[in-house]
Structure formats: C-alpha cells, structure tokens
Amino acid sequence: MPIQAKVVYPYGLAQLKLGSRLITLTDVRFEETYGGVIEGAPRPETDASRRRWFLASLGMCWGERATHVVAPEIVEVQDPRSPIQRMPAVACAAWLKSDPVTDAGAASELVLVWWRETLELPVAALVEQALAGVEWERVARDFDY
C-alpha cells in the first residue's frame, strides 16, 4: 500500500504550532557535528569552530536571515584516558516563516539552529520540539516578499 502524504506546498514542508502562532517549516538541514574532522578529541576551540562553520554554511545556503541558536548541551563521554566533553552528534537547522511580528512586514522568518544526539523523530516533530520555548516575537524578523 503506497504511503499517502499530505502535500502542503506552497505552504512549506510542514505546518507547526508555537503557542497560538502557526509556523511554516520552509527548509531543514542536518549535518554531523564533527563530520570531516580527521582526528583528535573535541575541545572548546574545536567546538566553537564547528559552530561557526555550520552557521556560515547556513548563510551560504539560505542567505542572511534572523538566526536563533540554541546552545548545545555538552555530552560527557567516558574515555579510558580521561572524560571527553563533546557537542551532540547532529547539528540541525530549520528555516521557518510565520505571520509578521509587526505591521511593517508581509511575514516574519527565523533560522533556528540546535543540536541533537539522534534524529529518531519525524522531521516536523524534531523542529517543533526545538522550537518550544522560543520567543518568536523577540527573535524573528519581519520581511517583505
């Protein structure tokens, strides 16, 4: 039996709720946090560099947009030599749109960035979970088409 999916285009990939606000999921990106790192244990300088690289890659892909970064929860891994502290395994980003925050724009948008250890949920659920607690009116930016 074929899978029946509801197509929401041109209204984005999914419709999410943040309180009473309807949010449109426009695009998502997932990357391995340490993908491409050849060797060595994570260090705070390496982690900061990986965060900057991920944010820069989003700018190259989606352009300059209001961005809200949820700080990654540091994971401690037991190593025979000494404990290693690292960021979660997956860097995540979602480009989101909604009604305008003020009367000055046609809509509002936000790029939400966060980290997760796994991607065990459907994409819309992952984004909605990361979006919980975000103050859209404070961090999103209005724009005109």
Protein backbone atom coordinates (compact mmCIF):
# COMPACT_ATOMS: atom_id res chain seq x y z
CA MET A 1 0.00 0.00 0.00
CA PRO A 2 1.57 3.37 -1.00
CA ILE A 3 2.26 5.98 1.67
CA GLN A 4 -0.23 8.87 1.48
CA ALA A 5 1.49 12.16 2.31
CA LYS A 6 -0.31 15.48 2.55
CA VAL A 7 1.42 17.94 0.22
CA VAL A 8 1.50 21.40 1.79
CA TYR A 9 3.48 23.19 -0.92
CA PRO A 10 3.46 26.17 -1.49
CA TYR A 11 2.96 26.36 2.25
CA GLY A 12 6.28 24.76 3.12
CA LEU A 13 7.27 21.30 4.25
CA ALA A 14 5.03 21.27 7.33
CA GLN A 15 2.85 23.46 9.49
CA LEU A 16 3.92 23.74 13.14
CA LYS A 17 2.41 25.40 16.20
CA LEU A 18 4.20 27.70 18.63
CA GLY A 19 1.59 28.69 21.17
CA SER A 20 -1.19 30.24 19.08
CA ARG A 21 1.18 31.08 16.19
CA LEU A 22 1.20 28.93 13.05
CA ILE A 23 4.76 28.40 11.77
CA THR A 24 5.67 27.15 8.29
CA LEU A 25 8.72 24.89 8.01
CA THR A 26 10.39 26.04 4.79
CA ASP A 27 13.63 24.02 4.78
CA VAL A 28 15.82 21.93 7.09
CA ARG A 29 19.46 20.92 7.24
CA PHE A 30 21.15 18.23 9.29
CA GLU A 31 24.94 17.72 9.46
CA GLU A 32 27.19 15.52 11.53
CA THR A 33 28.60 17.85 14.18
CA TYR A 34 32.12 16.52 13.73
CA GLY A 35 31.78 15.39 10.10
CA GLY A 36 35.05 15.92 8.24
CA VAL A 37 37.15 16.21 11.41
CA ILE A 38 40.12 13.95 10.83
CA GLU A 39 41.42 13.29 14.32
CA GLY A 40 41.65 14.47 17.89
CA ALA A 41 39.25 14.75 20.78
CA PRO A 42 36.77 17.66 20.81
CA ARG A 43 37.99 20.77 22.61
CA PRO A 44 36.15 24.03 23.33
CA GLU A 45 38.07 25.75 20.49
CA THR A 46 37.16 22.97 18.07
CA ASP A 47 33.52 23.12 19.13
CA ALA A 48 33.38 26.90 18.65
CA SER A 49 34.95 26.49 15.21
CA ARG A 50 32.43 23.79 14.24
CA ARG A 51 29.53 26.02 15.37
CA ARG A 52 30.89 28.96 13.31
CA TRP A 53 31.36 26.69 10.28
CA PHE A 54 27.78 25.38 10.49
CA LEU A 55 26.33 28.90 10.82
CA ALA A 56 28.43 30.10 7.85
CA SER A 57 27.21 27.18 5.73
CA LEU A 58 23.61 28.15 6.52
CA GLY A 59 24.30 31.72 5.42
CA MET A 60 25.72 30.45 2.12
CA CYS A 61 22.67 28.25 1.59
CA TRP A 62 19.80 30.45 2.83
CA GLY A 63 21.31 33.95 2.86
CA GLU A 64 21.41 36.38 5.75
CA ARG A 65 18.38 35.87 7.97
CA ALA A 66 17.45 36.36 11.62
CA THR A 67 19.02 33.40 13.41
CA HIS A 68 18.41 31.97 16.85
CA VAL A 69 20.97 29.47 18.16
CA VAL A 70 20.00 27.13 20.97
CA ALA A 71 23.26 26.41 22.80
CA PRO A 72 24.22 22.74 22.57
CA GLU A 73 24.09 20.64 25.69
CA ILE A 74 27.57 19.26 26.22
CA VAL A 75 27.73 15.45 26.36
CA GLU A 76 30.37 13.74 28.51
CA VAL A 77 31.86 10.55 27.09
CA GLN A 78 33.91 8.22 29.26
CA ASP A 79 37.32 7.54 27.73
CA PRO A 80 39.95 5.26 29.33
CA ARG A 81 42.43 8.16 29.44
CA SER A 82 40.08 10.90 30.61
CA PRO A 83 36.48 12.01 30.10
CA ILE A 84 35.79 13.82 26.83
CA GLN A 85 33.22 16.57 26.56
CA ARG A 86 31.60 16.99 23.14
CA MET A 87 28.60 18.53 21.47
CA PRO A 88 25.67 16.30 20.43
CA ALA A 89 26.24 14.30 17.24
CA VAL A 90 23.91 16.18 14.86
CA ALA A 91 23.81 19.89 14.01
CA CYS A 92 20.27 20.90 12.99
CA ALA A 93 18.78 23.97 11.35
CA ALA A 94 15.31 24.95 10.20
CA TRP A 95 14.20 27.95 8.12
CA LEU A 96 10.81 28.99 9.46
CA LYS A 97 8.19 31.57 8.42
CA SER A 98 5.05 32.95 10.04
CA ASP A 99 2.73 35.94 10.10
CA PRO A 100 4.50 39.26 10.67
CA VAL A 101 5.53 40.23 14.18
CA THR A 102 4.65 43.89 13.49
CA ASP A 103 2.54 45.57 10.85
CA ALA A 104 5.73 46.51 8.98
CA GLY A 105 6.18 43.28 7.02
CA ALA A 106 4.39 40.74 4.92
CA ALA A 107 5.64 37.86 7.06
CA SER A 108 8.31 37.01 9.63
CA GLU A 109 11.08 34.45 9.44
CA LEU A 110 13.73 32.80 11.56
CA VAL A 111 16.53 30.31 11.12
CA LEU A 112 16.55 28.08 14.19
CA VAL A 113 19.79 26.22 14.99
CA TRP A 114 20.16 23.45 17.57
CA TRP A 115 21.99 20.17 18.23
CA ARG A 116 20.66 16.68 18.95
CA GLU A 117 22.21 13.35 19.75
CA THR A 118 19.88 11.43 17.40
CA LEU A 119 17.20 12.02 14.77
CA GLU A 120 14.69 9.41 15.95
CA LEU A 121 11.57 11.55 15.40
CA PRO A 122 9.86 12.73 12.21
CA VAL A 123 11.38 15.98 10.93
CA ALA A 124 8.37 18.14 11.82
CA ALA A 125 8.40 16.77 15.39
CA LEU A 126 12.16 17.45 15.71
CA VAL A 127 11.68 21.07 14.66
CA GLU A 128 8.58 21.59 16.79
CA GLN A 129 10.43 20.22 19.82
CA ALA A 130 13.38 22.57 19.23
CA LEU A 131 11.00 25.49 18.66
CA ALA A 132 9.29 25.04 22.04
CA GLY A 133 10.24 27.88 24.33
CA VAL A 134 11.49 30.16 21.52
CA GLU A 135 10.09 33.70 21.82
CA TRP A 136 9.18 34.21 18.15
CA GLU A 137 8.23 37.88 18.60
CA ARG A 138 11.65 38.61 20.11
CA VAL A 139 13.95 36.68 17.73
CA ALA A 140 12.16 36.54 14.34
CA ARG A 141 12.44 39.33 11.79
CA ASP A 142 9.72 40.73 9.54
CA PHE A 143 10.32 40.88 5.78
CA ASP A 144 8.52 41.77 2.55
CA TYR A 145 8.45 39.49 -0.46
